[in-house]
Amino acid sequence: MIFLRAANDRGHANHGWLDSWHTFSFADYYDAKFMGFSALRVINEDHIAEGKGFGTHPHKDMEILTYVLDGTVEHQDSMGNKEQIHAGEFQIMSAGTGVRHSEYNGRDDKALHLYQIWIIPRQTGLEPRYEQRRFDAPQGRQLVLSPDARDGSLKVFQDMTLSRWALAGDRQETLDVAPGRRVWIQVVRGELDINGQQVGASDALAVWDETALTIKTGRDSEILVFDLPPV
């Protein structure tokens, strides 16, 4: 089964300084059919105005991943981290027993564009932690998250992986799906055909009970591929 979560069907909130699209129920957007997918709880695509952002606020028992597409995030948290996350970088924070943090657009000359992704951890009460990483220039398949931090990936406390695929136009790739696993594909940019389903930037596909996916690119494209446990 392959289900299209079209970009324009997502929840939407425009607060002036923040233009946010919600894949799953979040804040004032609620849809009982879209409460998450496997271990994924939140996928928000945010555009944040120059110099604006989220003031200090708490989190608990959640793996919080940020992928900066354009601009720079200014991050500060109760663990003592004060960092900048630039375009192309990934940051993960385990909220665990509790953490407070703030996130702002660190530039006053351009808007900030990012994905914020919340992943439900396998266990609660983890010690809070922070990591960020710039991976090699995106080309082909790059492992970003794994439970054992293999191949230079960031660690996530869940039975899942996240890979970034950067694909040239007019290519065909195959993704094998292990029995019982679920897959979420988030399109960052480009145009693709996935098992006959046409998708473009900010569209997503939820996949289950499939053995393989054939991915064809119409032009240079980037996707995030989440390999997830069954519900």
Protein backbone atom coordinates (compact mmCIF):
# COMPACT_ATOMS: atom_id res chain seq x y z
CA MET A 1 0.00 0.00 0.00
CA ILE A 2 1.26 3.45 -0.94
CA PHE A 3 -0.55 6.54 0.36
CA LEU A 4 0.17 10.03 -0.96
CA ARG A 5 0.32 12.81 1.62
CA ALA A 6 0.18 15.73 -0.79
CA ALA A 7 1.93 18.93 0.25
CA ASN A 8 -1.18 21.09 -0.09
CA ASP A 9 -3.28 18.69 2.00
CA ARG A 10 -1.15 19.22 5.11
CA GLY A 11 -2.23 21.38 8.01
CA HIS A 12 -1.16 25.01 7.59
CA ALA A 13 -0.58 27.84 10.02
CA ASN A 14 0.72 31.29 9.08
CA HIS A 15 1.64 33.47 12.05
CA GLY A 16 3.39 36.15 10.01
CA TRP A 17 6.88 35.43 11.31
CA LEU A 18 6.24 31.67 11.00
CA ASP A 19 4.73 29.90 8.00
CA SER A 20 4.38 26.24 8.97
CA TRP A 21 3.03 23.14 7.23
CA HIS A 22 2.08 20.18 9.44
CA THR A 23 2.17 16.64 8.04
CA PHE A 24 0.58 15.29 11.23
CA SER A 25 -1.70 16.79 13.88
CA PHE A 26 0.15 19.57 15.67
CA ALA A 27 -0.80 22.62 17.77
CA ASP A 28 -4.18 23.90 16.49
CA TYR A 29 -4.23 21.48 13.54
CA TYR A 30 -5.98 18.21 14.36
CA ASP A 31 -6.94 15.32 12.09
CA ALA A 32 -7.63 11.94 13.71
CA LYS A 33 -6.38 10.21 10.53
CA PHE A 34 -2.98 11.95 10.75
CA MET A 35 -1.64 11.53 14.27
CA GLY A 36 1.69 10.11 13.09
CA PHE A 37 3.11 7.16 11.20
CA SER A 38 4.89 4.36 13.04
CA ALA A 39 7.48 6.14 15.24
CA LEU A 40 7.07 9.47 13.41
CA ARG A 41 5.00 11.95 15.39
CA VAL A 42 5.75 15.34 13.78
CA ILE A 43 7.04 16.48 10.40
CA ASN A 44 6.77 20.25 10.19
CA GLU A 45 8.12 22.27 7.28
CA ASP A 46 8.80 25.76 8.64
CA HIS A 47 9.66 29.10 7.06
CA ILE A 48 10.82 31.54 9.76
CA ALA A 49 11.26 35.27 9.17
CA GLU A 50 14.55 37.10 9.65
CA GLY A 51 15.58 37.31 13.29
CA LYS A 52 12.45 35.54 14.54
CA GLY A 53 11.96 32.18 16.19
CA PHE A 54 10.75 30.03 19.07
CA GLY A 55 11.48 31.28 22.57
CA THR A 56 12.60 28.95 25.35
CA HIS A 57 10.14 26.06 25.76
CA PRO A 58 10.22 22.52 27.20
CA HIS A 59 10.26 19.04 25.67
CA LYS A 60 10.25 15.58 27.21
CA ASP A 61 10.61 11.98 25.96
CA MET A 62 11.01 12.79 22.27
CA GLU A 63 13.80 12.55 19.68
CA ILE A 64 13.80 15.93 17.90
CA LEU A 65 15.54 16.19 14.52
CA THR A 66 16.11 19.43 12.62
CA TYR A 67 17.22 19.52 8.99
CA VAL A 68 18.11 23.02 7.78
CA LEU A 69 17.37 23.54 4.09
CA ASP A 70 18.23 27.24 3.83
CA GLY A 71 19.57 29.72 6.35
CA THR A 72 20.96 29.28 9.87
CA VAL A 73 19.38 28.17 13.15
CA GLU A 74 20.52 29.70 16.44
CA HIS A 75 20.03 27.02 19.12
CA GLN A 76 20.39 27.31 22.88
CA ASP A 77 19.32 24.75 25.50
CA SER A 78 19.34 23.90 29.20
CA MET A 79 22.18 21.40 28.65
CA GLY A 80 24.49 24.34 28.00
CA ASN A 81 24.62 24.02 24.22
CA LYS A 82 24.71 27.24 22.22
CA GLU A 83 25.14 26.37 18.55
CA GLN A 84 24.46 27.39 15.00
CA ILE A 85 23.04 24.87 12.52
CA HIS A 86 23.63 25.86 8.91
CA ALA A 87 21.96 24.82 5.66
CA GLY A 88 22.66 21.17 4.90
CA GLU A 89 23.24 20.21 8.54
CA PHE A 90 21.22 17.86 10.72
CA GLN A 91 20.75 18.29 14.47
CA ILE A 92 19.22 15.76 16.86
CA MET A 93 18.25 16.32 20.47
CA SER A 94 16.99 13.67 22.88
CA ALA A 95 14.58 15.48 25.20
CA GLY A 96 14.46 12.46 27.52
CA THR A 97 13.84 13.40 31.16
CA GLY A 98 13.32 17.00 30.12
CA VAL A 99 15.08 19.82 28.32
CA ARG A 100 14.35 23.46 27.53
CA HIS A 101 15.57 25.11 24.35
CA SER A 102 15.10 28.01 21.97
CA GLU A 103 15.47 28.15 18.19
CA TYR A 104 15.79 31.31 16.15
CA ASN A 105 16.59 32.41 12.63
CA GLY A 106 20.22 33.40 13.08
CA ARG A 107 20.25 35.73 10.08
CA ASP A 108 18.66 39.10 9.57
CA ASP A 109 18.98 39.08 5.77
CA LYS A 110 17.03 35.96 4.74
CA ALA A 111 14.25 33.65 5.84
CA LEU A 112 15.02 30.29 7.45
CA HIS A 113 13.66 27.09 5.89
CA LEU A 114 13.79 23.81 7.78
CA TYR A 115 12.15 20.52 8.59
CA GLN A 116 11.51 19.70 12.22
CA ILE A 117 10.83 16.02 12.83
CA TRP A 118 9.78 14.38 16.10
CA ILE A 119 10.44 10.68 16.62
CA ILE A 120 8.95 8.70 19.51
CA PRO A 121 11.83 6.94 21.32
CA ARG A 122 11.78 3.24 22.25
CA GLN A 123 12.07 4.12 25.93
CA THR A 124 11.25 7.05 28.17
CA GLY A 125 13.42 8.73 30.77
CA LEU A 126 16.57 8.94 28.63
CA GLU A 127 19.36 11.31 29.57
CA PRO A 128 19.05 14.44 27.40
CA ARG A 129 21.71 14.79 24.70
CA TYR A 130 22.59 16.93 21.68
CA GLU A 131 24.37 16.20 18.38
CA GLN A 132 24.69 17.91 15.04
CA ARG A 133 26.53 17.00 11.88
CA ARG A 134 27.26 18.13 8.36
CA PHE A 135 27.52 15.12 6.11
CA ASP A 136 29.43 14.92 2.85
CA ALA A 137 28.01 16.86 -0.07
CA PRO A 138 24.74 15.07 -0.84
CA GLN A 139 25.21 12.54 -3.62
CA GLY A 140 23.58 9.14 -3.76
CA ARG A 141 22.44 7.61 -0.44
CA GLN A 142 23.65 9.00 2.88
CA LEU A 143 22.76 7.36 6.21
CA VAL A 144 21.73 10.14 8.61
CA LEU A 145 20.14 8.35 11.61
CA SER A 146 20.54 4.83 12.97
CA PRO A 147 20.13 3.18 16.39
CA ASP A 148 23.83 2.24 16.53
CA ALA A 149 25.30 5.40 14.91
CA ARG A 150 26.91 3.24 12.22
CA ASP A 151 28.77 4.62 9.21
CA GLY A 152 29.09 8.03 10.81
CA SER A 153 25.35 8.55 11.27
CA LEU A 154 23.70 10.30 14.18
CA LYS A 155 22.27 8.06 16.90
CA VAL A 156 18.53 7.77 17.39
CA PHE A 157 16.87 5.83 20.21
CA GLN A 158 14.43 3.97 17.99
CA ASP A 159 14.44 0.91 15.70
CA MET A 160 14.66 2.99 12.54
CA THR A 161 16.98 4.56 10.03
CA LEU A 162 16.84 7.78 8.06
CA SER A 163 18.71 8.15 4.78
CA ARG A 164 19.05 11.20 2.58
CA TRP A 165 18.99 10.34 -1.11
CA ALA A 166 20.33 12.96 -3.54
CA LEU A 167 19.58 11.74 -7.03
CA ALA A 168 20.48 13.14 -10.44
CA GLY A 169 17.75 13.50 -13.05
CA ASP A 170 16.73 10.63 -15.31
CA ARG A 171 17.88 7.93 -12.89
CA GLN A 172 16.21 4.82 -11.54
CA GLU A 173 16.84 3.34 -8.09
CA THR A 174 15.32 0.45 -6.16
CA LEU A 175 14.48 0.45 -2.47
CA ASP A 176 13.91 -2.98 -0.94
CA VAL A 177 11.47 -3.05 1.97
CA ALA A 178 12.02 -5.71 4.64
CA PRO A 179 8.97 -7.74 5.73
CA GLY A 180 6.84 -5.91 8.28
CA ARG A 181 8.68 -2.61 7.94
CA ARG A 182 7.07 0.70 7.11
CA VAL A 183 8.61 3.41 4.97
CA TRP A 184 7.98 7.16 4.85
CA ILE A 185 9.42 9.13 1.94
CA GLN A 186 9.55 12.91 2.28
CA VAL A 187 10.36 14.79 -0.92
CA VAL A 188 12.68 17.71 -0.22
CA ARG A 189 13.04 18.84 -3.84
CA GLY A 190 12.64 17.62 -7.40
CA GLU A 191 10.18 15.42 -9.24
CA LEU A 192 9.93 11.65 -8.93
CA ASP A 193 7.88 8.63 -9.93
CA ILE A 194 7.68 6.06 -7.13
CA ASN A 195 5.88 2.86 -8.13
CA GLY A 196 3.83 4.91 -10.56
CA GLN A 197 2.97 7.69 -8.08
CA GLN A 198 4.07 11.14 -9.19
CA VAL A 199 5.45 13.32 -6.38
CA GLY A 200 7.15 16.68 -6.09
CA ALA A 201 8.66 18.98 -3.48
CA SER A 202 7.06 18.69 -0.01
CA ASP A 203 4.88 15.72 -1.00
CA ALA A 204 5.28 12.49 0.98
CA LEU A 205 4.45 8.81 0.65
CA ALA A 206 3.49 6.40 3.44
CA VAL A 207 4.36 2.83 2.47
CA TRP A 208 3.42 -0.50 4.05
CA ASP A 209 2.91 -4.10 2.87
CA GLU A 210 5.26 -3.51 -0.08
CA THR A 211 8.42 -5.47 -0.88
CA ALA A 212 10.20 -2.96 -3.12
CA LEU A 213 9.92 0.55 -4.51
CA THR A 214 11.11 1.68 -7.93
CA ILE A 215 12.18 5.32 -7.79
CA LYS A 216 12.60 7.29 -11.02
CA THR A 217 13.71 10.91 -11.10
CA GLY A 218 12.44 13.45 -13.60
CA ARG A 219 15.14 15.94 -12.59
CA ASP A 220 17.67 16.38 -9.80
CA SER A 221 15.88 15.40 -6.61
CA GLU A 222 16.35 14.89 -2.88
CA ILE A 223 14.28 12.67 -0.62
CA LEU A 224 14.37 11.61 3.02
CA VAL A 225 13.74 7.88 3.42
CA PHE A 226 12.58 6.67 6.85
CA ASP A 227 12.72 2.91 7.45
CA LEU A 228 10.41 2.36 10.41
CA PRO A 229 9.12 -0.42 12.65
CA PRO A 230 5.57 -1.76 12.42
CA VAL A 231 2.96 -0.08 14.56
